């Protein structure tokens, strides 16, 4: 069960997509979708690492100022 959809609903959705796009386009659509998802994941990881670097830099700046 994915997102509240059972096996029957997923099969019906797959058949409708197959009828709309045809079997030759499904490979292209799947490939494009996979590339998009991997690009999104990579962007999220890059954002997380940049935020971590900025946080570490801010901590270093605060430590170097010291307290009087």
C-alpha atoms as a PDB file:
ATOM      1  CA  UNK A   1       0.000   0.000   0.000  1.00  0.00           C
ATOM      2  CA  UNK A   2       1.598   3.238  -1.170  1.00  0.00           C
ATOM      3  CA  UNK A   3       0.047   6.488   0.018  1.00  0.00           C
ATOM      4  CA  UNK A   4      -3.283   4.847   0.676  1.00  0.00           C
ATOM      5  CA  UNK A   5      -3.395   3.166  -2.751  1.00  0.00           C
ATOM      6  CA  UNK A   6      -3.789  -0.579  -2.981  1.00  0.00           C
ATOM      7  CA  UNK A   7      -2.469  -2.935  -5.647  1.00  0.00           C
ATOM      8  CA  UNK A   8      -5.668  -2.703  -7.679  1.00  0.00           C
ATOM      9  CA  UNK A   9      -5.578   1.088  -7.847  1.00  0.00           C
ATOM     10  CA  UNK A  10      -1.904   1.081  -8.843  1.00  0.00           C
ATOM     11  CA  UNK A  11      -2.588  -1.411 -11.657  1.00  0.00           C
ATOM     12  CA  UNK A  12      -5.443   0.744 -12.971  1.00  0.00           C
ATOM     13  CA  UNK A  13      -3.253   3.866 -12.883  1.00  0.00           C
ATOM     14  CA  UNK A  14      -0.464   2.006 -14.713  1.00  0.00           C
ATOM     15  CA  UNK A  15      -2.893   0.839 -17.407  1.00  0.00           C
ATOM     16  CA  UNK A  16      -4.218   4.373 -17.916  1.00  0.00           C
ATOM     17  CA  UNK A  17      -0.677   5.740 -18.220  1.00  0.00           C
ATOM     18  CA  UNK A  18       0.156   2.960 -20.684  1.00  0.00           C
ATOM     19  CA  UNK A  19      -2.894   3.843 -22.805  1.00  0.00           C
ATOM     20  CA  UNK A  20      -2.098   7.568 -22.775  1.00  0.00           C
ATOM     21  CA  UNK A  21       1.625   7.450 -23.528  1.00  0.00           C
ATOM     22  CA  UNK A  22       2.075   4.068 -25.181  1.00  0.00           C
ATOM     23  CA  UNK A  23       4.740   1.481 -24.447  1.00  0.00           C
ATOM     24  CA  UNK A  24       7.493   3.242 -26.412  1.00  0.00           C
ATOM     25  CA  UNK A  25       7.268   6.445 -24.347  1.00  0.00           C
ATOM     26  CA  UNK A  26       7.189   4.718 -20.944  1.00  0.00           C
ATOM     27  CA  UNK A  27      10.942   4.038 -21.016  1.00  0.00           C
ATOM     28  CA  UNK A  28      11.702   7.675 -21.780  1.00  0.00           C
ATOM     29  CA  UNK A  29       9.325   8.884 -19.078  1.00  0.00           C
ATOM     30  CA  UNK A  30      10.821   6.515 -16.505  1.00  0.00           C
ATOM     31  CA  UNK A  31      14.344   7.582 -17.395  1.00  0.00           C
ATOM     32  CA  UNK A  32      13.484  11.268 -17.160  1.00  0.00           C
ATOM     33  CA  UNK A  33      11.700  10.739 -13.864  1.00  0.00           C
ATOM     34  CA  UNK A  34      14.685   8.854 -12.440  1.00  0.00           C
ATOM     35  CA  UNK A  35      17.101  11.594 -13.499  1.00  0.00           C
ATOM     36  CA  UNK A  36      14.852  14.224 -11.959  1.00  0.00           C
ATOM     37  CA  UNK A  37      14.618  12.387  -8.652  1.00  0.00           C
ATOM     38  CA  UNK A  38      18.373  11.816  -8.476  1.00  0.00           C
ATOM     39  CA  UNK A  39      18.996  15.487  -9.285  1.00  0.00           C
ATOM     40  CA  UNK A  40      16.600  16.517  -6.537  1.00  0.00           C
ATOM     41  CA  UNK A  41      18.304  14.236  -4.003  1.00  0.00           C
ATOM     42  CA  UNK A  42      21.726  15.593  -4.985  1.00  0.00           C
ATOM     43  CA  UNK A  43      20.523  19.179  -4.597  1.00  0.00           C
ATOM     44  CA  UNK A  44      19.103  18.412  -1.150  1.00  0.00           C
ATOM     45  CA  UNK A  45      22.400  16.833  -0.062  1.00  0.00           C
ATOM     46  CA  UNK A  46      24.373  19.810  -1.384  1.00  0.00           C
ATOM     47  CA  UNK A  47      22.081  22.209   0.466  1.00  0.00           C
ATOM     48  CA  UNK A  48      22.520  20.270   3.698  1.00  0.00           C
ATOM     49  CA  UNK A  49      26.307  20.272   3.395  1.00  0.00           C
ATOM     50  CA  UNK A  50      26.368  24.008   2.633  1.00  0.00           C
ATOM     51  CA  UNK A  51      24.216  24.731   5.695  1.00  0.00           C
ATOM     52  CA  UNK A  52      26.530  22.594   7.819  1.00  0.00           C
ATOM     53  CA  UNK A  53      29.605  24.434   6.495  1.00  0.00           C
ATOM     54  CA  UNK A  54      27.976  27.799   7.206  1.00  0.00           C
ATOM     55  CA  UNK A  55      27.103  26.685  10.733  1.00  0.00           C
ATOM     56  CA  UNK A  56      30.667  25.518  11.380  1.00  0.00           C
ATOM     57  CA  UNK A  57      32.042  28.794   9.998  1.00  0.00           C
ATOM     58  CA  UNK A  58      29.716  30.794  12.242  1.00  0.00           C
ATOM     59  CA  UNK A  59      30.838  28.750  15.252  1.00  0.00           C
ATOM     60  CA  UNK A  60      34.488  29.392  14.372  1.00  0.00           C
ATOM     61  CA  UNK A  61      33.834  33.127  14.057  1.00  0.00           C
ATOM     62  CA  UNK A  62      32.094  33.190  17.435  1.00  0.00           C
ATOM     63  CA  UNK A  63      34.958  31.256  19.039  1.00  0.00           C
ATOM     64  CA  UNK A  64      37.626  33.543  17.558  1.00  0.00           C
ATOM     65  CA  UNK A  65      35.918  36.679  18.923  1.00  0.00           C
ATOM     66  CA  UNK A  66      36.034  35.324  22.457  1.00  0.00           C
ATOM     67  CA  UNK A  67      34.364  36.891  25.443  1.00  0.00           C
ATOM     68  CA  UNK A  68      35.676  39.811  27.467  1.00  0.00           C
END
